[in-house]
N, C-alpha and C. Protein backbone atom coordinates (compact mmCIF):
# COMPACT_ATOMS: atom_id res chain seq x y z
N MET A 1 0.83 -1.16 0.00
CA MET A 1 0.00 0.00 0.00
C MET A 1 0.89 1.24 0.00
N ASN A 2 0.68 2.11 -0.96
CA ASN A 2 1.48 3.32 -1.09
C ASN A 2 0.82 4.50 -0.39
N SER A 3 1.61 5.19 0.36
CA SER A 3 1.14 6.38 1.05
C SER A 3 1.55 7.58 0.21
N PRO A 4 0.83 8.68 0.26
CA PRO A 4 1.22 9.85 -0.51
C PRO A 4 2.53 10.47 -0.03
N LEU A 5 2.99 10.14 1.20
CA LEU A 5 4.25 10.69 1.71
C LEU A 5 5.46 9.85 1.32
N THR A 6 5.27 8.69 0.80
CA THR A 6 6.37 7.78 0.50
C THR A 6 7.42 8.42 -0.41
N PRO A 7 7.08 9.06 -1.52
CA PRO A 7 8.13 9.65 -2.35
C PRO A 7 8.93 10.72 -1.61
N HIS A 8 8.30 11.51 -0.79
CA HIS A 8 9.00 12.55 -0.05
C HIS A 8 9.92 11.97 1.01
N VAL A 9 9.44 10.93 1.68
CA VAL A 9 10.27 10.27 2.70
C VAL A 9 11.46 9.61 2.02
N SER A 10 11.22 8.96 0.90
CA SER A 10 12.31 8.30 0.17
C SER A 10 13.35 9.33 -0.28
N PHE A 11 12.86 10.47 -0.79
CA PHE A 11 13.78 11.52 -1.22
C PHE A 11 14.59 12.05 -0.03
N PHE A 12 13.92 12.27 1.08
CA PHE A 12 14.60 12.77 2.28
C PHE A 12 15.67 11.79 2.75
N VAL A 13 15.33 10.51 2.81
CA VAL A 13 16.28 9.49 3.26
C VAL A 13 17.45 9.42 2.28
N ALA A 14 17.18 9.43 0.99
CA ALA A 14 18.24 9.35 -0.02
C ALA A 14 19.15 10.57 0.05
N SER A 15 18.57 11.76 0.19
CA SER A 15 19.41 12.96 0.25
C SER A 15 20.23 12.99 1.54
N ARG A 16 19.65 12.50 2.62
CA ARG A 16 20.39 12.43 3.89
C ARG A 16 21.57 11.46 3.77
N LEU A 17 21.34 10.31 3.14
CA LEU A 17 22.43 9.34 2.93
C LEU A 17 23.52 9.95 2.05
N LEU A 18 23.14 10.66 1.01
CA LEU A 18 24.11 11.30 0.14
C LEU A 18 24.92 12.33 0.92
N ASP A 19 24.24 13.12 1.75
CA ASP A 19 24.92 14.11 2.58
C ASP A 19 25.93 13.43 3.50
N LEU A 20 25.54 12.33 4.11
CA LEU A 20 26.45 11.61 5.02
C LEU A 20 27.65 11.06 4.26
N ARG A 21 27.41 10.53 3.06
CA ARG A 21 28.52 10.00 2.25
C ARG A 21 29.50 11.11 1.89
N ILE A 22 28.97 12.24 1.49
CA ILE A 22 29.84 13.37 1.12
C ILE A 22 30.65 13.82 2.32
N ARG A 23 30.01 13.96 3.47
CA ARG A 23 30.73 14.38 4.68
C ARG A 23 31.81 13.37 5.05
N PHE A 24 31.47 12.08 4.96
CA PHE A 24 32.44 11.04 5.32
C PHE A 24 33.63 11.08 4.36
N CYS A 25 33.35 11.15 3.06
CA CYS A 25 34.44 11.18 2.08
C CYS A 25 35.30 12.42 2.26
N TYR A 26 34.65 13.57 2.49
CA TYR A 26 35.41 14.80 2.68
C TYR A 26 36.30 14.72 3.92
N SER A 27 35.71 14.28 5.02
CA SER A 27 36.52 14.21 6.26
C SER A 27 37.62 13.17 6.12
N SER A 28 37.35 12.07 5.42
CA SER A 28 38.40 11.06 5.21
C SER A 28 39.52 11.62 4.37
N SER A 29 39.16 12.36 3.31
CA SER A 29 40.22 12.89 2.44
C SER A 29 41.03 13.96 3.16
N VAL A 30 40.37 14.77 3.99
CA VAL A 30 41.11 15.78 4.76
C VAL A 30 42.03 15.10 5.75
N ARG A 31 41.54 14.06 6.42
CA ARG A 31 42.36 13.33 7.38
C ARG A 31 43.54 12.66 6.66
N ASN A 32 43.27 12.05 5.51
CA ASN A 32 44.35 11.40 4.76
C ASN A 32 45.37 12.42 4.27
N LEU A 33 44.90 13.59 3.87
CA LEU A 33 45.81 14.64 3.43
C LEU A 33 46.69 15.08 4.59
N ALA A 34 46.09 15.25 5.76
CA ALA A 34 46.86 15.65 6.94
C ALA A 34 47.88 14.58 7.29
N GLU A 35 47.48 13.31 7.19
CA GLU A 35 48.42 12.23 7.48
C GLU A 35 49.56 12.22 6.47
N ARG A 36 49.24 12.46 5.20
CA ARG A 36 50.29 12.47 4.18
C ARG A 36 51.28 13.60 4.42
N LYS A 37 50.79 14.75 4.87
CA LYS A 37 51.68 15.87 5.11
C LYS A 37 52.63 15.61 6.27
N THR A 38 52.19 14.81 7.24
CA THR A 38 53.05 14.57 8.40
C THR A 38 54.04 13.44 8.16
N VAL A 39 53.85 12.65 7.11
CA VAL A 39 54.81 11.59 6.80
C VAL A 39 56.06 12.26 6.25
N GLN A 40 57.15 12.11 6.96
CA GLN A 40 58.38 12.77 6.55
C GLN A 40 59.30 11.79 5.83
N LYS A 41 60.05 12.33 4.89
CA LYS A 41 61.05 11.53 4.19
C LYS A 41 62.19 11.27 5.16
N PRO A 42 62.86 10.14 5.01
CA PRO A 42 64.01 9.89 5.89
C PRO A 42 65.11 10.93 5.67
N VAL A 43 65.76 11.31 6.76
CA VAL A 43 66.88 12.24 6.69
C VAL A 43 68.16 11.43 6.86
N ILE A 44 69.05 11.56 5.90
CA ILE A 44 70.30 10.81 5.91
C ILE A 44 71.44 11.80 6.05
N GLU A 45 72.26 11.62 7.08
CA GLU A 45 73.43 12.49 7.26
C GLU A 45 74.63 11.82 6.61
N VAL A 46 75.35 12.58 5.83
CA VAL A 46 76.49 12.07 5.08
C VAL A 46 77.70 12.95 5.37
N ALA A 47 78.81 12.30 5.69
CA ALA A 47 80.08 13.01 5.89
C ALA A 47 80.96 12.74 4.68
N ILE A 48 81.47 13.80 4.06
CA ILE A 48 82.34 13.63 2.89
C ILE A 48 83.67 14.33 3.12
N ALA A 49 84.70 13.76 2.50
CA ALA A 49 86.06 14.27 2.67
C ALA A 49 86.52 14.96 1.40
N VAL A 50 86.92 16.20 1.54
CA VAL A 50 87.60 16.91 0.45
C VAL A 50 89.08 16.72 0.77
N ILE A 51 89.67 15.68 0.17
CA ILE A 51 91.06 15.32 0.46
C ILE A 51 91.96 16.06 -0.52
N VAL A 52 92.84 16.88 0.02
CA VAL A 52 93.73 17.71 -0.79
C VAL A 52 95.16 17.23 -0.60
N GLN A 53 95.86 17.06 -1.73
CA GLN A 53 97.27 16.66 -1.69
C GLN A 53 97.97 17.25 -2.91
N ASN A 54 99.04 17.99 -2.68
CA ASN A 54 99.81 18.61 -3.76
C ASN A 54 98.93 19.42 -4.72
N GLY A 55 97.98 20.15 -4.17
CA GLY A 55 97.12 20.99 -4.99
C GLY A 55 96.04 20.25 -5.75
N GLN A 56 95.92 18.95 -5.56
CA GLN A 56 94.92 18.14 -6.24
C GLN A 56 93.87 17.67 -5.23
N ILE A 57 92.67 17.38 -5.72
CA ILE A 57 91.57 16.92 -4.88
C ILE A 57 91.15 15.53 -5.35
N LEU A 58 90.92 14.65 -4.40
CA LEU A 58 90.53 13.27 -4.71
C LEU A 58 89.02 13.17 -4.91
N VAL A 59 88.63 12.56 -6.03
CA VAL A 59 87.21 12.30 -6.30
C VAL A 59 87.05 10.84 -6.68
N THR A 60 85.86 10.31 -6.44
CA THR A 60 85.55 8.92 -6.79
C THR A 60 84.26 8.91 -7.61
N ARG A 61 84.08 7.84 -8.38
CA ARG A 61 82.87 7.72 -9.19
C ARG A 61 81.93 6.72 -8.54
N ARG A 62 80.66 7.09 -8.48
CA ARG A 62 79.64 6.21 -7.88
C ARG A 62 79.44 4.98 -8.75
N LYS A 63 79.32 3.84 -8.08
CA LYS A 63 79.16 2.57 -8.78
C LYS A 63 77.74 2.44 -9.35
N GLU A 64 77.59 1.51 -10.28
CA GLU A 64 76.26 1.19 -10.80
C GLU A 64 75.48 0.49 -9.69
N GLY A 65 74.17 0.64 -9.72
CA GLY A 65 73.33 -0.03 -8.74
C GLY A 65 73.15 0.74 -7.44
N VAL A 66 73.67 1.97 -7.37
CA VAL A 66 73.49 2.81 -6.18
C VAL A 66 72.74 4.08 -6.60
N HIS A 67 72.33 4.86 -5.62
CA HIS A 67 71.66 6.14 -5.89
C HIS A 67 72.61 7.03 -6.71
N LEU A 68 72.13 7.60 -7.79
CA LEU A 68 72.90 8.48 -8.67
C LEU A 68 74.16 7.80 -9.23
N PRO A 69 74.01 6.66 -9.90
CA PRO A 69 75.17 5.92 -10.41
C PRO A 69 75.94 6.69 -11.48
N GLY A 70 77.26 6.49 -11.50
CA GLY A 70 78.11 7.07 -12.53
C GLY A 70 78.54 8.50 -12.28
N LEU A 71 77.94 9.17 -11.31
CA LEU A 71 78.35 10.54 -11.02
C LEU A 71 79.60 10.55 -10.15
N TRP A 72 80.35 11.63 -10.22
CA TRP A 72 81.54 11.78 -9.39
C TRP A 72 81.13 12.35 -8.05
N GLU A 73 81.93 12.07 -7.05
CA GLU A 73 81.64 12.54 -5.70
C GLU A 73 82.93 12.58 -4.89
N PHE A 74 82.83 13.15 -3.71
CA PHE A 74 83.94 13.11 -2.76
C PHE A 74 83.75 11.86 -1.91
N PRO A 75 84.84 11.19 -1.51
CA PRO A 75 84.69 9.98 -0.71
C PRO A 75 84.02 10.29 0.63
N GLY A 76 83.31 9.32 1.13
CA GLY A 76 82.60 9.47 2.41
C GLY A 76 81.39 8.58 2.40
N GLY A 77 80.47 8.84 3.32
CA GLY A 77 79.28 8.01 3.35
C GLY A 77 78.34 8.36 4.48
N LYS A 78 77.33 7.50 4.63
CA LYS A 78 76.25 7.71 5.60
C LYS A 78 76.71 7.47 7.03
N ARG A 79 76.19 8.31 7.90
CA ARG A 79 76.47 8.17 9.33
C ARG A 79 75.59 7.07 9.91
N ASP A 80 76.21 6.16 10.67
CA ASP A 80 75.47 5.11 11.37
C ASP A 80 74.83 5.68 12.63
N PRO A 81 73.73 5.08 13.10
CA PRO A 81 73.11 5.55 14.34
C PRO A 81 74.11 5.57 15.50
N GLY A 82 74.13 6.65 16.25
CA GLY A 82 75.01 6.78 17.41
C GLY A 82 76.44 7.15 17.08
N GLU A 83 76.77 7.31 15.82
CA GLU A 83 78.13 7.60 15.38
C GLU A 83 78.29 9.11 15.19
N THR A 84 79.45 9.65 15.59
CA THR A 84 79.71 11.06 15.32
C THR A 84 80.08 11.21 13.84
N LEU A 85 79.96 12.42 13.34
CA LEU A 85 80.33 12.66 11.94
C LEU A 85 81.81 12.42 11.70
N ASP A 86 82.66 12.80 12.67
CA ASP A 86 84.10 12.55 12.54
C ASP A 86 84.39 11.05 12.42
N HIS A 87 83.79 10.26 13.31
CA HIS A 87 84.02 8.81 13.26
C HIS A 87 83.46 8.22 11.97
N CYS A 88 82.32 8.72 11.54
CA CYS A 88 81.74 8.26 10.28
C CYS A 88 82.71 8.49 9.13
N LEU A 89 83.27 9.68 9.06
CA LEU A 89 84.17 10.02 7.96
C LEU A 89 85.43 9.16 7.99
N LEU A 90 86.03 9.02 9.16
CA LEU A 90 87.25 8.20 9.27
C LEU A 90 86.96 6.75 8.89
N ARG A 91 85.81 6.22 9.33
CA ARG A 91 85.43 4.84 9.00
C ARG A 91 85.21 4.68 7.50
N GLU A 92 84.47 5.60 6.92
CA GLU A 92 84.17 5.50 5.49
C GLU A 92 85.44 5.58 4.64
N ILE A 93 86.37 6.44 4.99
CA ILE A 93 87.62 6.56 4.23
C ILE A 93 88.44 5.27 4.36
N ARG A 94 88.46 4.72 5.55
CA ARG A 94 89.17 3.45 5.76
C ARG A 94 88.51 2.34 4.93
N GLU A 95 87.17 2.26 4.96
CA GLU A 95 86.46 1.21 4.22
C GLU A 95 86.54 1.40 2.71
N GLU A 96 86.35 2.62 2.24
CA GLU A 96 86.29 2.88 0.80
C GLU A 96 87.66 2.97 0.14
N LEU A 97 88.64 3.49 0.87
CA LEU A 97 89.94 3.76 0.25
C LEU A 97 91.10 3.02 0.89
N GLY A 98 90.88 2.40 2.05
CA GLY A 98 91.98 1.74 2.75
C GLY A 98 93.01 2.74 3.26
N ALA A 99 92.58 3.95 3.56
CA ALA A 99 93.51 5.02 3.95
C ALA A 99 93.08 5.66 5.26
N THR A 100 93.99 6.46 5.80
CA THR A 100 93.72 7.25 7.00
C THR A 100 93.91 8.72 6.64
N VAL A 101 93.02 9.55 7.15
CA VAL A 101 93.11 10.99 6.90
C VAL A 101 93.08 11.75 8.21
N THR A 102 93.55 12.99 8.15
CA THR A 102 93.33 13.92 9.26
C THR A 102 92.20 14.84 8.82
N ILE A 103 91.34 15.14 9.76
CA ILE A 103 90.24 16.07 9.48
C ILE A 103 90.66 17.44 9.98
N GLU A 104 90.78 18.38 9.06
CA GLU A 104 91.23 19.72 9.45
C GLU A 104 90.08 20.59 9.95
N ARG A 105 88.99 20.64 9.15
CA ARG A 105 87.87 21.49 9.56
C ARG A 105 86.64 21.20 8.70
N LEU A 106 85.50 21.60 9.24
CA LEU A 106 84.26 21.54 8.47
C LEU A 106 84.30 22.67 7.43
N LEU A 107 84.12 22.29 6.17
CA LEU A 107 84.14 23.28 5.09
C LEU A 107 82.74 23.81 4.78
N TRP A 108 81.76 22.92 4.87
CA TRP A 108 80.48 23.24 4.27
C TRP A 108 79.43 22.26 4.77
N LYS A 109 78.21 22.74 4.93
CA LYS A 109 77.08 21.88 5.31
C LYS A 109 75.88 22.31 4.49
N LYS A 110 75.16 21.32 3.95
CA LYS A 110 74.01 21.63 3.10
C LYS A 110 72.95 20.55 3.25
N THR A 111 71.71 20.98 3.35
CA THR A 111 70.57 20.05 3.34
C THR A 111 70.00 20.07 1.93
N HIS A 112 69.84 18.88 1.35
CA HIS A 112 69.34 18.79 -0.02
C HIS A 112 68.19 17.79 -0.08
N PRO A 113 67.00 18.24 -0.49
CA PRO A 113 65.86 17.32 -0.58
C PRO A 113 65.86 16.58 -1.92
N TYR A 114 65.78 15.27 -1.86
CA TYR A 114 65.52 14.43 -3.03
C TYR A 114 64.07 13.98 -2.92
N SER A 115 63.53 13.37 -3.96
CA SER A 115 62.12 12.97 -3.92
C SER A 115 61.84 11.92 -2.85
N GLU A 116 62.79 11.04 -2.59
CA GLU A 116 62.55 9.94 -1.65
C GLU A 116 63.27 10.09 -0.32
N ARG A 117 64.12 11.09 -0.18
CA ARG A 117 64.88 11.28 1.05
C ARG A 117 65.41 12.70 1.11
N THR A 118 65.84 13.10 2.29
CA THR A 118 66.54 14.37 2.47
C THR A 118 67.95 14.04 2.93
N VAL A 119 68.93 14.62 2.27
CA VAL A 119 70.33 14.35 2.60
C VAL A 119 70.94 15.62 3.20
N VAL A 120 71.63 15.44 4.33
CA VAL A 120 72.38 16.53 4.94
C VAL A 120 73.85 16.21 4.72
N LEU A 121 74.51 17.00 3.87
CA LEU A 121 75.92 16.79 3.55
C LEU A 121 76.81 17.63 4.46
N HIS A 122 77.83 16.99 5.02
CA HIS A 122 78.84 17.67 5.83
C HIS A 122 80.17 17.43 5.14
N ALA A 123 80.77 18.47 4.56
CA ALA A 123 82.03 18.34 3.84
C ALA A 123 83.18 18.83 4.71
N TYR A 124 84.19 17.98 4.87
CA TYR A 124 85.34 18.30 5.71
C TYR A 124 86.60 18.39 4.86
N LEU A 125 87.43 19.36 5.15
CA LEU A 125 88.75 19.44 4.54
C LEU A 125 89.63 18.41 5.22
N CYS A 126 90.23 17.51 4.43
CA CYS A 126 91.05 16.43 4.98
C CYS A 126 92.37 16.33 4.23
N HIS A 127 93.34 15.70 4.89
CA HIS A 127 94.64 15.44 4.27
C HIS A 127 94.98 13.98 4.52
N LEU A 128 95.56 13.36 3.50
CA LEU A 128 95.93 11.95 3.56
C LEU A 128 97.07 11.76 4.53
N LEU A 129 96.90 10.83 5.47
CA LEU A 129 97.96 10.51 6.43
C LEU A 129 98.75 9.29 5.99
N SER A 130 98.02 8.20 5.75
CA SER A 130 98.70 6.96 5.40
C SER A 130 97.78 6.07 4.59
N GLY A 131 98.42 5.09 3.98
CA GLY A 131 97.68 4.10 3.22
C GLY A 131 97.76 4.37 1.73
N ALA A 132 98.11 3.29 1.00
CA ALA A 132 98.05 3.38 -0.45
C ALA A 132 96.58 3.27 -0.81
N LEU A 133 96.10 4.16 -1.62
CA LEU A 133 94.67 4.17 -1.93
C LEU A 133 94.26 2.89 -2.65
N LYS A 134 93.36 2.16 -2.03
CA LYS A 134 92.83 0.92 -2.62
C LYS A 134 91.32 1.08 -2.69
N PRO A 135 90.81 1.53 -3.83
CA PRO A 135 89.38 1.79 -3.91
C PRO A 135 88.55 0.53 -3.69
N PHE A 136 87.48 0.68 -2.94
CA PHE A 136 86.56 -0.41 -2.62
C PHE A 136 85.85 -0.88 -3.89
N ALA A 137 85.81 -2.19 -4.09
CA ALA A 137 85.09 -2.82 -5.21
C ALA A 137 85.43 -2.17 -6.55
N SER A 138 86.72 -1.92 -6.76
CA SER A 138 87.21 -1.35 -8.02
C SER A 138 86.54 -0.03 -8.38
N GLN A 139 86.17 0.72 -7.38
CA GLN A 139 85.58 2.04 -7.62
C GLN A 139 86.63 2.93 -8.26
N GLU A 140 86.22 3.67 -9.28
CA GLU A 140 87.15 4.56 -9.97
C GLU A 140 87.44 5.79 -9.11
N LEU A 141 88.72 6.17 -9.06
CA LEU A 141 89.09 7.39 -8.35
C LEU A 141 90.17 8.11 -9.12
N LYS A 142 90.26 9.42 -8.88
CA LYS A 142 91.34 10.18 -9.51
C LYS A 142 91.57 11.48 -8.76
N TRP A 143 92.80 11.97 -8.90
CA TRP A 143 93.19 13.27 -8.36
C TRP A 143 93.02 14.28 -9.47
N ILE A 144 92.35 15.38 -9.19
CA ILE A 144 92.15 16.41 -10.21
C ILE A 144 92.40 17.79 -9.61
N SER A 145 92.64 18.73 -10.50
CA SER A 145 92.83 20.11 -10.04
C SER A 145 91.46 20.66 -9.62
N PRO A 146 91.45 21.60 -8.70
CA PRO A 146 90.17 22.19 -8.29
C PRO A 146 89.38 22.79 -9.46
N GLU A 147 90.10 23.36 -10.42
CA GLU A 147 89.43 23.96 -11.57
C GLU A 147 88.70 22.91 -12.41
N ALA A 148 89.20 21.67 -12.41
CA ALA A 148 88.59 20.60 -13.21
C ALA A 148 87.34 20.03 -12.56
N LEU A 149 87.07 20.38 -11.31
CA LEU A 149 85.88 19.85 -10.62
C LEU A 149 84.60 20.14 -11.40
N LEU A 150 84.51 21.34 -11.96
CA LEU A 150 83.28 21.73 -12.65
C LEU A 150 83.09 21.02 -13.99
N THR A 151 84.12 20.32 -14.47
CA THR A 151 84.00 19.60 -15.75
C THR A 151 83.44 18.20 -15.57
N LEU A 152 83.36 17.72 -14.33
CA LEU A 152 82.86 16.37 -14.06
C LEU A 152 81.39 16.41 -13.64
N PRO A 153 80.63 15.36 -13.99
CA PRO A 153 79.24 15.31 -13.53
C PRO A 153 79.16 14.90 -12.05
N PHE A 154 78.70 15.82 -11.21
CA PHE A 154 78.52 15.60 -9.78
C PHE A 154 77.02 15.63 -9.46
N PRO A 155 76.60 15.06 -8.34
CA PRO A 155 75.20 15.23 -7.92
C PRO A 155 74.88 16.71 -7.75
N GLU A 156 73.65 17.06 -8.03
CA GLU A 156 73.21 18.46 -7.93
C GLU A 156 73.47 19.04 -6.54
N ALA A 157 73.35 18.22 -5.51
CA ALA A 157 73.57 18.69 -4.14
C ALA A 157 75.00 19.20 -3.93
N ASN A 158 75.95 18.74 -4.74
CA ASN A 158 77.36 19.13 -4.57
C ASN A 158 77.74 20.41 -5.31
N ARG A 159 76.90 20.90 -6.21
CA ARG A 159 77.26 22.07 -7.02
C ARG A 159 77.71 23.27 -6.17
N PRO A 160 76.96 23.66 -5.14
CA PRO A 160 77.42 24.80 -4.33
C PRO A 160 78.77 24.54 -3.66
N LEU A 161 79.03 23.29 -3.29
CA LEU A 161 80.32 22.94 -2.68
C LEU A 161 81.44 23.13 -3.70
N LEU A 162 81.23 22.71 -4.92
CA LEU A 162 82.26 22.84 -5.95
C LEU A 162 82.61 24.32 -6.18
N GLU A 163 81.59 25.14 -6.24
CA GLU A 163 81.83 26.57 -6.44
C GLU A 163 82.55 27.19 -5.24
N MET A 164 82.18 26.77 -4.04
CA MET A 164 82.84 27.27 -2.84
C MET A 164 84.30 26.83 -2.81
N LEU A 165 84.58 25.60 -3.25
CA LEU A 165 85.96 25.10 -3.26
C LEU A 165 86.84 25.94 -4.19
N LEU A 166 86.30 26.33 -5.33
CA LEU A 166 87.08 27.16 -6.25
C LEU A 166 87.45 28.50 -5.61
N LYS A 167 86.54 29.07 -4.85
CA LYS A 167 86.84 30.32 -4.14
C LYS A 167 87.90 30.09 -3.06
N GLU A 168 87.78 28.97 -2.34
CA GLU A 168 88.74 28.65 -1.28
C GLU A 168 90.14 28.45 -1.87
N VAL A 169 90.22 27.79 -3.03
CA VAL A 169 91.51 27.54 -3.67
C VAL A 169 92.15 28.86 -4.08
N SER A 170 91.35 29.74 -4.66
CA SER A 170 91.92 31.01 -5.14
C SER A 170 92.43 31.87 -3.99
N SER A 171 91.90 31.66 -2.79
CA SER A 171 92.39 32.44 -1.64
C SER A 171 93.38 31.64 -0.79
N GLY A 172 93.75 30.44 -1.24
CA GLY A 172 94.76 29.64 -0.54
C GLY A 172 94.26 28.97 0.74
N LEU A 173 92.95 28.88 0.92
CA LEU A 173 92.41 28.33 2.17
C LEU A 173 92.41 26.80 2.24
N LEU A 174 92.72 26.13 1.12
CA LEU A 174 92.75 24.67 1.14
C LEU A 174 94.13 24.11 1.41
N GLU A 175 95.11 24.97 1.55
CA GLU A 175 96.47 24.50 1.82
C GLU A 175 96.55 23.92 3.22
N LYS A 176 97.39 22.92 3.38
CA LYS A 176 97.55 22.25 4.67
C LYS A 176 98.16 23.21 5.69
N LYS A 177 97.52 23.27 6.84
CA LYS A 177 98.04 24.10 7.94
C LYS A 177 98.99 23.24 8.77
N GLU A 178 100.19 23.69 8.96
CA GLU A 178 101.20 22.93 9.72
C GLU A 178 101.12 23.25 11.18
């Protein structure tokens, strides 16, 4: 048996359900957006060595199968949890090059966002103490003049460091302090 109010009640119930669906979807999307904004990319701290010897700077080429393969870089690597940046740098140089360096001073620090991570680079002026350079896993390395740094493909995060190094060289600030 149909009542004359049935179409109006049906319309009211249907519109109320639609209103609830819209509110739920909107609040869910706002909540999901807020959650997405709070998800932070991992921050990786990296210590790198600008090793200077006889006016030349040591650079290495990134291996295939790693982040930014084939680009040139300064030796160094990621800091382990609980490790100081100094210890990280000394460990990485020993592991990557089979050498020991002295750390003279912090040259430069830069935070660089990549799509999947944020990298904080700490570049230290270093001098080779001992060890014949034995690159890890046949990694390519070479000594180059500071002026030649800009001719090699480096990660974008290193560009400001390269330019700063050229200024330091021209003012004699990269020379070993006795």
